[in-house]
Amino acid sequence: MSAIDVGSQPLVFDEYLVKKPNETFVIPIKGDSMIEAGIFDGDLAVVERSSKAKAGDFVIANVDNEFTLKELVRDRGQYALKPHNQKYPLIHPQGNLQVIGILVGLVRRYKT
């Protein structure tokens, strides 16, 4: 494996990940419901606040008064939340489904 020369300009992760600073927040991931999408317990999700998600977006949503990160999908004409772990079923809201934000980046630390 070889390193790629990025020149004299340093890569600033804030500038790369955060396009809308006033609308961006970071949350720690807990659990294993998204491991098949490469999102693991302990990762940091970079999220832009938005309620205008479309099917296929990974979203932070409040579903029936619980917050979760899942893929927004359409199922039988309704929006649902899809985990990316075969152990978990598709989530059909029993009441409220409110998208809080859309996942725009992910940060993982390998060594402490």
PDB file of N, CA and C in Angstrom:
ATOM      1  N   MET A   1       0.852  -1.163   0.000  1.00  0.00           N
ATOM      2  CA  MET A   1       0.000   0.000   0.000  1.00  0.00           C
ATOM      3  C   MET A   1       0.901   1.230   0.000  1.00  0.00           C
ATOM      4  N   SER A   2       0.527   2.224  -0.771  1.00  0.00           N
ATOM      5  CA  SER A   2       1.303   3.461  -0.798  1.00  0.00           C
ATOM      6  C   SER A   2       0.411   4.629  -0.383  1.00  0.00           C
ATOM      7  N   ALA A   3       1.066   5.629   0.169  1.00  0.00           N
ATOM      8  CA  ALA A   3       0.341   6.835   0.590  1.00  0.00           C
ATOM      9  C   ALA A   3       0.155   7.753  -0.609  1.00  0.00           C
ATOM     10  N   ILE A   4      -0.912   8.483  -0.598  1.00  0.00           N
ATOM     11  CA  ILE A   4      -1.188   9.446  -1.667  1.00  0.00           C
ATOM     12  C   ILE A   4      -0.736  10.815  -1.200  1.00  0.00           C
ATOM     13  N   ASP A   5       0.030  11.498  -2.034  1.00  0.00           N
ATOM     14  CA  ASP A   5       0.498  12.840  -1.699  1.00  0.00           C
ATOM     15  C   ASP A   5      -0.662  13.822  -1.883  1.00  0.00           C
ATOM     16  N   VAL A   6      -1.036  14.486  -0.801  1.00  0.00           N
ATOM     17  CA  VAL A   6      -2.127  15.451  -0.879  1.00  0.00           C
ATOM     18  C   VAL A   6      -1.610  16.873  -1.017  1.00  0.00           C
ATOM     19  N   GLY A   7      -0.325  17.012  -1.231  1.00  0.00           N
ATOM     20  CA  GLY A   7       0.249  18.340  -1.399  1.00  0.00           C
ATOM     21  C   GLY A   7       0.460  19.025  -0.076  1.00  0.00           C
ATOM     22  N   SER A   8       0.641  20.315  -0.145  1.00  0.00           N
ATOM     23  CA  SER A   8       0.934  21.075   1.065  1.00  0.00           C
ATOM     24  C   SER A   8      -0.320  21.521   1.816  1.00  0.00           C
ATOM     25  N   GLN A   9      -1.482  21.347   1.223  1.00  0.00           N
ATOM     26  CA  GLN A   9      -2.723  21.756   1.871  1.00  0.00           C
ATOM     27  C   GLN A   9      -3.240  20.634   2.766  1.00  0.00           C
ATOM     28  N   PRO A  10      -3.362  20.882   4.054  1.00  0.00           N
ATOM     29  CA  PRO A  10      -3.885  19.826   4.934  1.00  0.00           C
ATOM     30  C   PRO A  10      -5.376  19.617   4.693  1.00  0.00           C
ATOM     31  N   LEU A  11      -5.807  18.394   4.910  1.00  0.00           N
ATOM     32  CA  LEU A  11      -7.233  18.085   4.830  1.00  0.00           C
ATOM     33  C   LEU A  11      -7.845  18.378   6.193  1.00  0.00           C
ATOM     34  N   VAL A  12      -8.796  19.278   6.217  1.00  0.00           N
ATOM     35  CA  VAL A  12      -9.479  19.634   7.462  1.00  0.00           C
ATOM     36  C   VAL A  12     -10.824  18.912   7.449  1.00  0.00           C
ATOM     37  N   PHE A  13     -10.974  17.948   8.368  1.00  0.00           N
ATOM     38  CA  PHE A  13     -12.176  17.130   8.368  1.00  0.00           C
ATOM     39  C   PHE A  13     -13.446  17.948   8.568  1.00  0.00           C
ATOM     40  N   ASP A  14     -13.392  18.990   9.392  1.00  0.00           N
ATOM     41  CA  ASP A  14     -14.575  19.828   9.593  1.00  0.00           C
ATOM     42  C   ASP A  14     -15.067  20.385   8.265  1.00  0.00           C
ATOM     43  N   GLU A  15     -14.156  20.882   7.457  1.00  0.00           N
ATOM     44  CA  GLU A  15     -14.545  21.464   6.169  1.00  0.00           C
ATOM     45  C   GLU A  15     -15.063  20.398   5.213  1.00  0.00           C
ATOM     46  N   TYR A  16     -14.496  19.199   5.301  1.00  0.00           N
ATOM     47  CA  TYR A  16     -14.903  18.108   4.417  1.00  0.00           C
ATOM     48  C   TYR A  16     -16.278  17.560   4.789  1.00  0.00           C
ATOM     49  N   LEU A  17     -16.536  17.384   6.083  1.00  0.00           N
ATOM     50  CA  LEU A  17     -17.773  16.751   6.548  1.00  0.00           C
ATOM     51  C   LEU A  17     -18.914  17.715   6.822  1.00  0.00           C
ATOM     52  N   VAL A  18     -18.594  18.935   7.194  1.00  0.00           N
ATOM     53  CA  VAL A  18     -19.625  19.872   7.658  1.00  0.00           C
ATOM     54  C   VAL A  18     -19.795  20.993   6.634  1.00  0.00           C
ATOM     55  N   LYS A  19     -20.847  20.888   5.837  1.00  0.00           N
ATOM     56  CA  LYS A  19     -21.144  21.918   4.826  1.00  0.00           C
ATOM     57  C   LYS A  19     -22.072  23.001   5.380  1.00  0.00           C
ATOM     58  N   LYS A  20     -22.871  22.654   6.392  1.00  0.00           N
ATOM     59  CA  LYS A  20     -23.824  23.581   6.999  1.00  0.00           C
ATOM     60  C   LYS A  20     -23.618  23.556   8.518  1.00  0.00           C
ATOM     61  N   PRO A  21     -22.630  24.304   9.032  1.00  0.00           N
ATOM     62  CA  PRO A  21     -22.291  24.220  10.462  1.00  0.00           C
ATOM     63  C   PRO A  21     -23.461  24.450  11.415  1.00  0.00           C
ATOM     64  N   ASN A  22     -24.337  25.379  11.092  1.00  0.00           N
ATOM     65  CA  ASN A  22     -25.462  25.667  11.992  1.00  0.00           C
ATOM     66  C   ASN A  22     -26.545  24.586  11.968  1.00  0.00           C
ATOM     67  N   GLU A  23     -26.463  23.678  11.003  1.00  0.00           N
ATOM     68  CA  GLU A  23     -27.480  22.642  10.869  1.00  0.00           C
ATOM     69  C   GLU A  23     -26.900  21.234  11.017  1.00  0.00           C
ATOM     70  N   THR A  24     -25.660  21.141  11.521  1.00  0.00           N
ATOM     71  CA  THR A  24     -24.971  19.857  11.607  1.00  0.00           C
ATOM     72  C   THR A  24     -24.698  19.495  13.048  1.00  0.00           C
ATOM     73  N   PHE A  25     -24.893  18.217  13.372  1.00  0.00           N
ATOM     74  CA  PHE A  25     -24.569  17.731  14.704  1.00  0.00           C
ATOM     75  C   PHE A  25     -23.952  16.339  14.583  1.00  0.00           C
ATOM     76  N   VAL A  26     -23.296  15.920  15.640  1.00  0.00           N
ATOM     77  CA  VAL A  26     -22.629  14.619  15.669  1.00  0.00           C
ATOM     78  C   VAL A  26     -23.223  13.808  16.816  1.00  0.00           C
ATOM     79  N   ILE A  27     -23.556  12.551  16.525  1.00  0.00           N
ATOM     80  CA  ILE A  27     -24.091  11.688  17.582  1.00  0.00           C
ATOM     81  C   ILE A  27     -23.323  10.366  17.585  1.00  0.00           C
ATOM     82  N   PRO A  28     -23.098   9.804  18.759  1.00  0.00           N
ATOM     83  CA  PRO A  28     -22.452   8.495  18.829  1.00  0.00           C
ATOM     84  C   PRO A  28     -23.447   7.388  18.470  1.00  0.00           C
ATOM     85  N   ILE A  29     -22.954   6.396  17.762  1.00  0.00           N
ATOM     86  CA  ILE A  29     -23.780   5.241  17.390  1.00  0.00           C
ATOM     87  C   ILE A  29     -23.730   4.215  18.512  1.00  0.00           C
ATOM     88  N   LYS A  30     -24.888   3.695  18.856  1.00  0.00           N
ATOM     89  CA  LYS A  30     -24.980   2.635  19.859  1.00  0.00           C
ATOM     90  C   LYS A  30     -25.765   1.482  19.244  1.00  0.00           C
ATOM     91  N   GLY A  31     -25.256   0.283  19.394  1.00  0.00           N
ATOM     92  CA  GLY A  31     -25.966  -0.888  18.909  1.00  0.00           C
ATOM     93  C   GLY A  31     -25.408  -1.437  17.610  1.00  0.00           C
ATOM     94  N   ASP A  32     -26.082  -2.494  17.125  1.00  0.00           N
ATOM     95  CA  ASP A  32     -25.585  -3.224  15.959  1.00  0.00           C
ATOM     96  C   ASP A  32     -26.586  -3.295  14.803  1.00  0.00           C
ATOM     97  N   SER A  33     -27.583  -2.434  14.809  1.00  0.00           N
ATOM     98  CA  SER A  33     -28.643  -2.535  13.801  1.00  0.00           C
ATOM     99  C   SER A  33     -28.237  -2.059  12.410  1.00  0.00           C
ATOM    100  N   MET A  34     -27.047  -1.449  12.281  1.00  0.00           N
ATOM    101  CA  MET A  34     -26.625  -0.931  10.969  1.00  0.00           C
ATOM    102  C   MET A  34     -25.288  -1.510  10.512  1.00  0.00           C
ATOM    103  N   ILE A  35     -24.867  -2.630  11.105  1.00  0.00           N
ATOM    104  CA  ILE A  35     -23.531  -3.163  10.810  1.00  0.00           C
ATOM    105  C   ILE A  35     -23.357  -3.600   9.360  1.00  0.00           C
ATOM    106  N   GLU A  36     -24.412  -4.050   8.705  1.00  0.00           N
ATOM    107  CA  GLU A  36     -24.295  -4.471   7.307  1.00  0.00           C
ATOM    108  C   GLU A  36     -24.163  -3.281   6.363  1.00  0.00           C
ATOM    109  N   ALA A  37     -24.354  -2.069   6.873  1.00  0.00           N
ATOM    110  CA  ALA A  37     -24.104  -0.846   6.110  1.00  0.00           C
ATOM    111  C   ALA A  37     -22.752  -0.246   6.495  1.00  0.00           C
ATOM    112  N   GLY A  38     -22.000  -0.959   7.348  1.00  0.00           N
ATOM    113  CA  GLY A  38     -20.682  -0.474   7.755  1.00  0.00           C
ATOM    114  C   GLY A  38     -20.730   0.580   8.845  1.00  0.00           C
ATOM    115  N   ILE A  39     -21.826   0.644   9.581  1.00  0.00           N
ATOM    116  CA  ILE A  39     -21.986   1.605  10.680  1.00  0.00           C
ATOM    117  C   ILE A  39     -21.993   0.793  11.971  1.00  0.00           C
ATOM    118  N   PHE A  40     -20.996   1.074  12.842  1.00  0.00           N
ATOM    119  CA  PHE A  40     -20.775   0.228  14.009  1.00  0.00           C
ATOM    120  C   PHE A  40     -20.917   0.993  15.318  1.00  0.00           C
ATOM    121  N   ASP A  41     -21.184   0.226  16.383  1.00  0.00           N
ATOM    122  CA  ASP A  41     -21.249   0.757  17.732  1.00  0.00           C
ATOM    123  C   ASP A  41     -19.970   1.542  18.014  1.00  0.00           C
ATOM    124  N   GLY A  42     -20.111   2.774  18.496  1.00  0.00           N
ATOM    125  CA  GLY A  42     -18.962   3.623  18.798  1.00  0.00           C
ATOM    126  C   GLY A  42     -18.600   4.593  17.693  1.00  0.00           C
ATOM    127  N   ASP A  43     -19.102   4.386  16.466  1.00  0.00           N
ATOM    128  CA  ASP A  43     -18.871   5.353  15.391  1.00  0.00           C
ATOM    129  C   ASP A  43     -19.550   6.662  15.746  1.00  0.00           C
ATOM    130  N   LEU A  44     -19.118   7.729  15.098  1.00  0.00           N
ATOM    131  CA  LEU A  44     -19.775   9.034  15.249  1.00  0.00           C
ATOM    132  C   LEU A  44     -20.471   9.374  13.938  1.00  0.00           C
ATOM    133  N   ALA A  45     -21.767   9.599  14.014  1.00  0.00           N
ATOM    134  CA  ALA A  45     -22.554   9.952  12.838  1.00  0.00           C
ATOM    135  C   ALA A  45     -22.607  11.465  12.703  1.00  0.00           C
ATOM    136  N   VAL A  46     -22.264  11.960  11.516  1.00  0.00           N
ATOM    137  CA  VAL A  46     -22.352  13.385  11.204  1.00  0.00           C
ATOM    138  C   VAL A  46     -23.676  13.574  10.467  1.00  0.00           C
ATOM    139  N   VAL A  47     -24.550  14.404  11.042  1.00  0.00           N
ATOM    140  CA  VAL A  47     -25.929  14.505  10.576  1.00  0.00           C
ATOM    141  C   VAL A  47     -26.278  15.965  10.286  1.00  0.00           C
ATOM    142  N   GLU A  48     -26.890  16.204   9.118  1.00  0.00           N
ATOM    143  CA  GLU A  48     -27.431  17.530   8.801  1.00  0.00           C
ATOM    144  C   GLU A  48     -28.901  17.532   9.143  1.00  0.00           C
ATOM    145  N   ARG A  49     -29.302  18.511   9.941  1.00  0.00           N
ATOM    146  CA  ARG A  49     -30.701  18.649  10.334  1.00  0.00           C
ATOM    147  C   ARG A  49     -31.545  18.916   9.087  1.00  0.00           C
ATOM    148  N   SER A  50     -32.543  18.076   8.878  1.00  0.00           N
ATOM    149  CA  SER A  50     -33.439  18.223   7.728  1.00  0.00           C
ATOM    150  C   SER A  50     -34.629  17.294   7.909  1.00  0.00           C
ATOM    151  N   SER A  51     -35.779  17.745   7.504  1.00  0.00           N
ATOM    152  CA  SER A  51     -36.955  16.884   7.524  1.00  0.00           C
ATOM    153  C   SER A  51     -37.319  16.457   6.106  1.00  0.00           C
ATOM    154  N   LYS A  52     -36.486  16.827   5.131  1.00  0.00           N
ATOM    155  CA  LYS A  52     -36.779  16.555   3.726  1.00  0.00           C
ATOM    156  C   LYS A  52     -35.933  15.404   3.199  1.00  0.00           C
ATOM    157  N   ALA A  53     -36.071  14.250   3.798  1.00  0.00           N
ATOM    158  CA  ALA A  53     -35.343  13.067   3.355  1.00  0.00           C
ATOM    159  C   ALA A  53     -36.139  12.355   2.272  1.00  0.00           C
ATOM    160  N   LYS A  54     -35.429  11.539   1.506  1.00  0.00           N
ATOM    161  CA  LYS A  54     -36.084  10.725   0.487  1.00  0.00           C
ATOM    162  C   LYS A  54     -35.724   9.262   0.721  1.00  0.00           C
ATOM    163  N   ALA A  55     -36.497   8.382   0.159  1.00  0.00           N
ATOM    164  CA  ALA A  55     -36.232   6.952   0.293  1.00  0.00           C
ATOM    165  C   ALA A  55     -34.799   6.673  -0.146  1.00  0.00           C
ATOM    166  N   GLY A  56     -34.101   5.874   0.648  1.00  0.00           N
ATOM    167  CA  GLY A  56     -32.709   5.563   0.374  1.00  0.00           C
ATOM    168  C   GLY A  56     -31.732   6.334   1.242  1.00  0.00           C
ATOM    169  N   ASP A  57     -32.196   7.444   1.839  1.00  0.00           N
ATOM    170  CA  ASP A  57     -31.342   8.215   2.756  1.00  0.00           C
ATOM    171  C   ASP A  57     -31.229   7.495   4.086  1.00  0.00           C
ATOM    172  N   PHE A  58     -30.061   7.577   4.694  1.00  0.00           N
ATOM    173  CA  PHE A  58     -29.906   7.138   6.081  1.00  0.00           C
ATOM    174  C   PHE A  58     -30.274   8.332   6.940  1.00  0.00           C
ATOM    175  N   VAL A  59     -31.204   8.140   7.852  1.00  0.00           N
ATOM    176  CA  VAL A  59     -31.754   9.256   8.615  1.00  0.00           C
ATOM    177  C   VAL A  59     -31.702   8.991  10.112  1.00  0.00           C
ATOM    178  N   ILE A  60     -31.649  10.076  10.865  1.00  0.00           N
ATOM    179  CA  ILE A  60     -31.942  10.041  12.286  1.00  0.00           C
ATOM    180  C   ILE A  60     -33.421  10.395  12.371  1.00  0.00           C
ATOM    181  N   ALA A  61     -34.180   9.507  12.981  1.00  0.00           N
ATOM    182  CA  ALA A  61     -35.625   9.718  13.038  1.00  0.00           C
ATOM    183  C   ALA A  61     -36.139   9.465  14.443  1.00  0.00           C
ATOM    184  N   ASN A  62     -37.207  10.158  14.754  1.00  0.00           N
ATOM    185  CA  ASN A  62     -37.958   9.903  15.977  1.00  0.00           C
ATOM    186  C   ASN A  62     -39.169   9.079  15.535  1.00  0.00           C
ATOM    187  N   VAL A  63     -39.157   7.811  15.907  1.00  0.00           N
ATOM    188  CA  VAL A  63     -40.241   6.930  15.525  1.00  0.00           C
ATOM    189  C   VAL A  63     -40.906   6.426  16.794  1.00  0.00           C
ATOM    190  N   ASP A  64     -42.161   6.769  16.945  1.00  0.00           N
ATOM    191  CA  ASP A  64     -42.927   6.371  18.126  1.00  0.00           C
ATOM    192  C   ASP A  64     -42.178   6.721  19.413  1.00  0.00           C
ATOM    193  N   ASN A  65     -41.632   7.946  19.448  1.00  0.00           N
ATOM    194  CA  ASN A  65     -40.938   8.513  20.611  1.00  0.00           C
ATOM    195  C   ASN A  65     -39.595   7.858  20.933  1.00  0.00           C
ATOM    196  N   GLU A  66     -38.949   7.226  19.937  1.00  0.00           N
ATOM    197  CA  GLU A  66     -37.602   6.704  20.103  1.00  0.00           C
ATOM    198  C   GLU A  66     -36.756   7.190  18.936  1.00  0.00           C
ATOM    199  N   PHE A  67     -35.515   7.603  19.233  1.00  0.00           N
ATOM    200  CA  PHE A  67     -34.599   8.066  18.188  1.00  0.00           C
ATOM    201  C   PHE A  67     -33.783   6.892  17.672  1.00  0.00           C
ATOM    202  N   THR A  68     -33.571   6.881  16.357  1.00  0.00           N
ATOM    203  CA  THR A  68     -32.825   5.792  15.740  1.00  0.00           C
ATOM    204  C   THR A  68     -32.191   6.256  14.438  1.00  0.00           C
ATOM    205  N   LEU A  69     -31.137   5.558  14.015  1.00  0.00           N
ATOM    206  CA  LEU A  69     -30.512   5.769  12.710  1.00  0.00           C
ATOM    207  C   LEU A  69     -30.836   4.553  11.858  1.00  0.00           C
ATOM    208  N   LYS A  70     -31.537   4.780  10.747  1.00  0.00           N
ATOM    209  CA  LYS A  70     -31.923   3.698   9.836  1.00  0.00           C
ATOM    210  C   LYS A  70     -32.036   4.270   8.425  1.00  0.00           C
ATOM    211  N   GLU A  71     -32.210   3.378   7.457  1.00  0.00           N
ATOM    212  CA  GLU A  71     -32.473   3.798   6.079  1.00  0.00           C
ATOM    213  C   GLU A  71     -33.970   4.049   5.922  1.00  0.00           C
ATOM    214  N   LEU A  72     -34.311   5.195   5.355  1.00  0.00           N
ATOM    215  CA  LEU A  72     -35.711   5.512   5.070  1.00  0.00           C
ATOM    216  C   LEU A  72     -36.110   4.792   3.790  1.00  0.00           C
ATOM    217  N   VAL A  73     -37.179   3.998   3.856  1.00  0.00           N
ATOM    218  CA  VAL A  73     -37.655   3.236   2.699  1.00  0.00           C
ATOM    219  C   VAL A  73     -39.168   3.396   2.560  1.00  0.00           C
ATOM    220  N   ARG A  74     -39.667   3.023   1.384  1.00  0.00           N
ATOM    221  CA  ARG A  74     -41.113   2.956   1.161  1.00  0.00           C
ATOM    222  C   ARG A  74     -41.503   1.481   1.165  1.00  0.00           C
ATOM    223  N   ASP A  75     -42.544   1.159   1.916  1.00  0.00           N
ATOM    224  CA  ASP A  75     -43.038  -0.205   1.990  1.00  0.00           C
ATOM    225  C   ASP A  75     -44.553  -0.156   2.007  1.00  0.00           C
ATOM    226  N   ARG A  76     -45.170  -0.788   1.024  1.00  0.00           N
ATOM    227  CA  ARG A  76     -46.631  -0.798   0.907  1.00  0.00           C
ATOM    228  C   ARG A  76     -47.227   0.606   0.932  1.00  0.00           C
ATOM    229  N   GLY A  77     -46.543   1.540   0.249  1.00  0.00           N
ATOM    230  CA  GLY A  77     -47.048   2.903   0.139  1.00  0.00           C
ATOM    231  C   GLY A  77     -46.791   3.785   1.337  1.00  0.00           C
ATOM    232  N   GLN A  78     -46.126   3.273   2.350  1.00  0.00           N
ATOM    233  CA  GLN A  78     -45.848   4.039   3.569  1.00  0.00           C
ATOM    234  C   GLN A  78     -44.334   4.114   3.787  1.00  0.00           C
ATOM    235  N   TYR A  79     -43.907   5.139   4.504  1.00  0.00           N
ATOM    236  CA  TYR A  79     -42.498   5.200   4.886  1.00  0.00           C
ATOM    237  C   TYR A  79     -42.244   4.239   6.038  1.00  0.00           C
ATOM    238  N   ALA A  80     -41.089   3.611   6.009  1.00  0.00           N
ATOM    239  CA  ALA A  80     -40.649   2.705   7.064  1.00  0.00           C
ATOM    240  C   ALA A  80     -39.151   2.915   7.257  1.00  0.00           C
ATOM    241  N   LEU A  81     -38.611   2.315   8.295  1.00  0.00           N
ATOM    242  CA  LEU A  81     -37.188   2.425   8.590  1.00  0.00           C
ATOM    243  C   LEU A  81     -36.556   1.047   8.509  1.00  0.00           C
ATOM    244  N   LYS A  82     -35.485   0.964   7.721  1.00  0.00           N
ATOM    245  CA  LYS A  82     -34.853  -0.328   7.474  1.00  0.00           C
ATOM    246  C   LYS A  82     -33.529  -0.435   8.218  1.00  0.00           C
ATOM    247  N   PRO A  83     -33.422  -1.371   9.149  1.00  0.00           N
ATOM    248  CA  PRO A  83     -32.132  -1.659   9.764  1.00  0.00           C
ATOM    249  C   PRO A  83     -31.253  -2.395   8.743  1.00  0.00           C
ATOM    250  N   HIS A  84     -29.979  -2.314   8.918  1.00  0.00           N
ATOM    251  CA  HIS A  84     -29.056  -3.065   8.061  1.00  0.00           C
ATOM    252  C   HIS A  84     -28.359  -4.122   8.903  1.00  0.00           C
ATOM    253  N   ASN A  85     -29.168  -5.008   9.441  1.00  0.00           N
ATOM    254  CA  ASN A  85     -28.733  -6.185  10.185  1.00  0.00           C
ATOM    255  C   ASN A  85     -29.904  -7.159  10.093  1.00  0.00           C
ATOM    256  N   GLN A  86     -29.652  -8.318   9.552  1.00  0.00           N
ATOM    257  CA  GLN A  86     -30.734  -9.280   9.316  1.00  0.00           C
ATOM    258  C   GLN A  86     -31.452  -9.713  10.594  1.00  0.00           C
ATOM    259  N   LYS A  87     -30.860  -9.449  11.744  1.00  0.00           N
ATOM    260  CA  LYS A  87     -31.504  -9.817  13.013  1.00  0.00           C
ATOM    261  C   LYS A  87     -32.713  -8.938  13.334  1.00  0.00           C
ATOM    262  N   TYR A  88     -32.827  -7.783  12.660  1.00  0.00           N
ATOM    263  CA  TYR A  88     -33.871  -6.818  13.014  1.00  0.00           C
ATOM    264  C   TYR A  88     -34.875  -6.646  11.880  1.00  0.00           C
ATOM    265  N   PRO A  89     -36.163  -6.522  12.212  1.00  0.00           N
ATOM    266  CA  PRO A  89     -37.195  -6.351  11.183  1.00  0.00           C
ATOM    267  C   PRO A  89     -37.309  -4.882  10.739  1.00  0.00           C
ATOM    268  N   LEU A  90     -37.963  -4.710   9.614  1.00  0.00           N
ATOM    269  CA  LEU A  90     -38.334  -3.394   9.131  1.00  0.00           C
ATOM    270  C   LEU A  90     -39.213  -2.722  10.178  1.00  0.00           C
ATOM    271  N   ILE A  91     -39.012  -1.433  10.414  1.00  0.00           N
ATOM    272  CA  ILE A  91     -39.779  -0.706  11.423  1.00  0.00           C
ATOM    273  C   ILE A  91     -40.905   0.069  10.738  1.00  0.00           C
ATOM    274  N   HIS A  92     -42.129  -0.324  11.018  1.00  0.00           N
ATOM    275  CA  HIS A  92     -43.306   0.409  10.546  1.00  0.00           C
ATOM    276  C   HIS A  92     -43.815   1.238  11.718  1.00  0.00           C
ATOM    277  N   PRO A  93     -43.819   2.551  11.591  1.00  0.00           N
ATOM    278  CA  PRO A  93     -44.277   3.378  12.711  1.00  0.00           C
ATOM    279  C   PRO A  93     -45.716   3.047  13.102  1.00  0.00           C
ATOM    280  N   GLN A  94     -45.932   2.952  14.392  1.00  0.00           N
ATOM    281  CA  GLN A  94     -47.281   2.749  14.902  1.00  0.00           C
ATOM    282  C   GLN A  94     -48.020   4.074  15.005  1.00  0.00           C
ATOM    283  N   GLY A  95     -47.240   5.153  15.073  1.00  0.00           N
ATOM    284  CA  GLY A  95     -47.811   6.497  15.178  1.00  0.00           C
ATOM    285  C   GLY A  95     -46.941   7.475  14.425  1.00  0.00           C
ATOM    286  N   ASN A  96     -46.105   8.168  15.155  1.00  0.00           N
ATOM    287  CA  ASN A  96     -45.308   9.263  14.613  1.00  0.00           C
ATOM    288  C   ASN A  96     -43.979   8.789  14.030  1.00  0.00           C
ATOM    289  N   LEU A  97     -43.644   9.289  12.847  1.00  0.00           N
ATOM    290  CA  LEU A  97     -42.315   9.137  12.251  1.00  0.00           C
ATOM    291  C   LEU A  97     -41.864  10.520  11.824  1.00  0.00           C
ATOM    292  N   GLN A  98     -40.853  11.049  12.518  1.00  0.00           N
ATOM    293  CA  GLN A  98     -40.351  12.381  12.215  1.00  0.00           C
ATOM    294  C   GLN A  98     -38.864  12.284  11.905  1.00  0.00           C
ATOM    295  N   VAL A  99     -38.486  12.666  10.685  1.00  0.00           N
ATOM    296  CA  VAL A  99     -37.074  12.705  10.315  1.00  0.00           C
ATOM    297  C   VAL A  99     -36.448  13.943  10.939  1.00  0.00           C
ATOM    298  N   ILE A 100     -35.365  13.732  11.658  1.00  0.00           N
ATOM    299  CA  ILE A 100     -34.647  14.828  12.321  1.00  0.00           C
ATOM    300  C   ILE A 100     -33.494  15.305  11.463  1.00  0.00           C
ATOM    301  N   GLY A 101     -32.808  14.372  10.806  1.00  0.00           N
ATOM    302  CA  GLY A 101     -31.664  14.738   9.989  1.00  0.00           C
ATOM    303  C   GLY A 101     -31.224  13.593   9.096  1.00  0.00           C
ATOM    304  N   ILE A 102     -30.307  13.924   8.179  1.00  0.00           N
ATOM    305  CA  ILE A 102     -29.797  12.970   7.204  1.00  0.00           C
ATOM    306  C   ILE A 102     -28.314  12.741   7.461  1.00  0.00           C
ATOM    307  N   LEU A 103     -27.902  11.476   7.480  1.00  0.00           N
ATOM    308  CA  LEU A 103     -26.502  11.121   7.677  1.00  0.00           C
ATOM    309  C   LEU A 103     -25.684  11.619   6.488  1.00  0.00           C
ATOM    310  N   VAL A 104     -24.641  12.419   6.775  1.00  0.00           N
ATOM    311  CA  VAL A 104     -23.779  12.929   5.699  1.00  0.00           C
ATOM    312  C   VAL A 104     -22.345  12.442   5.844  1.00  0.00           C
ATOM    313  N   GLY A 105     -22.015  11.870   6.995  1.00  0.00           N
ATOM    314  CA  GLY A 105     -20.661  11.374   7.188  1.00  0.00           C
ATOM    315  C   GLY A 105     -20.580  10.480   8.401  1.00  0.00           C
ATOM    316  N   LEU A 106     -19.455   9.818   8.507  1.00  0.00           N
ATOM    317  CA  LEU A 106     -19.241   8.882   9.599  1.00  0.00           C
ATOM    318  C   LEU A 106     -17.775   8.952   9.998  1.00  0.00           C
ATOM    319  N   VAL A 107     -17.525   8.929  11.299  1.00  0.00           N
ATOM    320  CA  VAL A 107     -16.156   8.974  11.808  1.00  0.00           C
ATOM    321  C   VAL A 107     -15.952   7.745  12.685  1.00  0.00           C
ATOM    322  N   ARG A 108     -14.815   7.084  12.475  1.00  0.00           N
ATOM    323  CA  ARG A 108     -14.481   5.907  13.267  1.00  0.00           C
ATOM    324  C   ARG A 108     -13.032   6.022  13.716  1.00  0.00           C
ATOM    325  N   ARG A 109     -12.823   5.739  14.982  1.00  0.00           N
ATOM    326  CA  ARG A 109     -11.461   5.730  15.535  1.00  0.00           C
ATOM    327  C   ARG A 109     -11.071   4.280  15.751  1.00  0.00           C
ATOM    328  N   TYR A 110      -9.922   3.877  15.235  1.00  0.00           N
ATOM    329  CA  TYR A 110      -9.477   2.492  15.337  1.00  0.00           C
ATOM    330  C   TYR A 110      -8.578   2.232  16.537  1.00  0.00           C
ATOM    331  N   LYS A 111      -7.867   3.247  16.972  1.00  0.00           N
ATOM    332  CA  LYS A 111      -6.922   3.064  18.077  1.00  0.00           C
ATOM    333  C   LYS A 111      -7.078   4.219  19.052  1.00  0.00           C
ATOM    334  N   THR A 112      -7.120   3.900  20.333  1.00  0.00           N
ATOM    335  CA  THR A 112      -7.279   4.956  21.335  1.00  0.00           C
ATOM    336  C   THR A 112      -5.949   5.378  21.896  1.00  0.00           C
TER     337      THR A 112
END
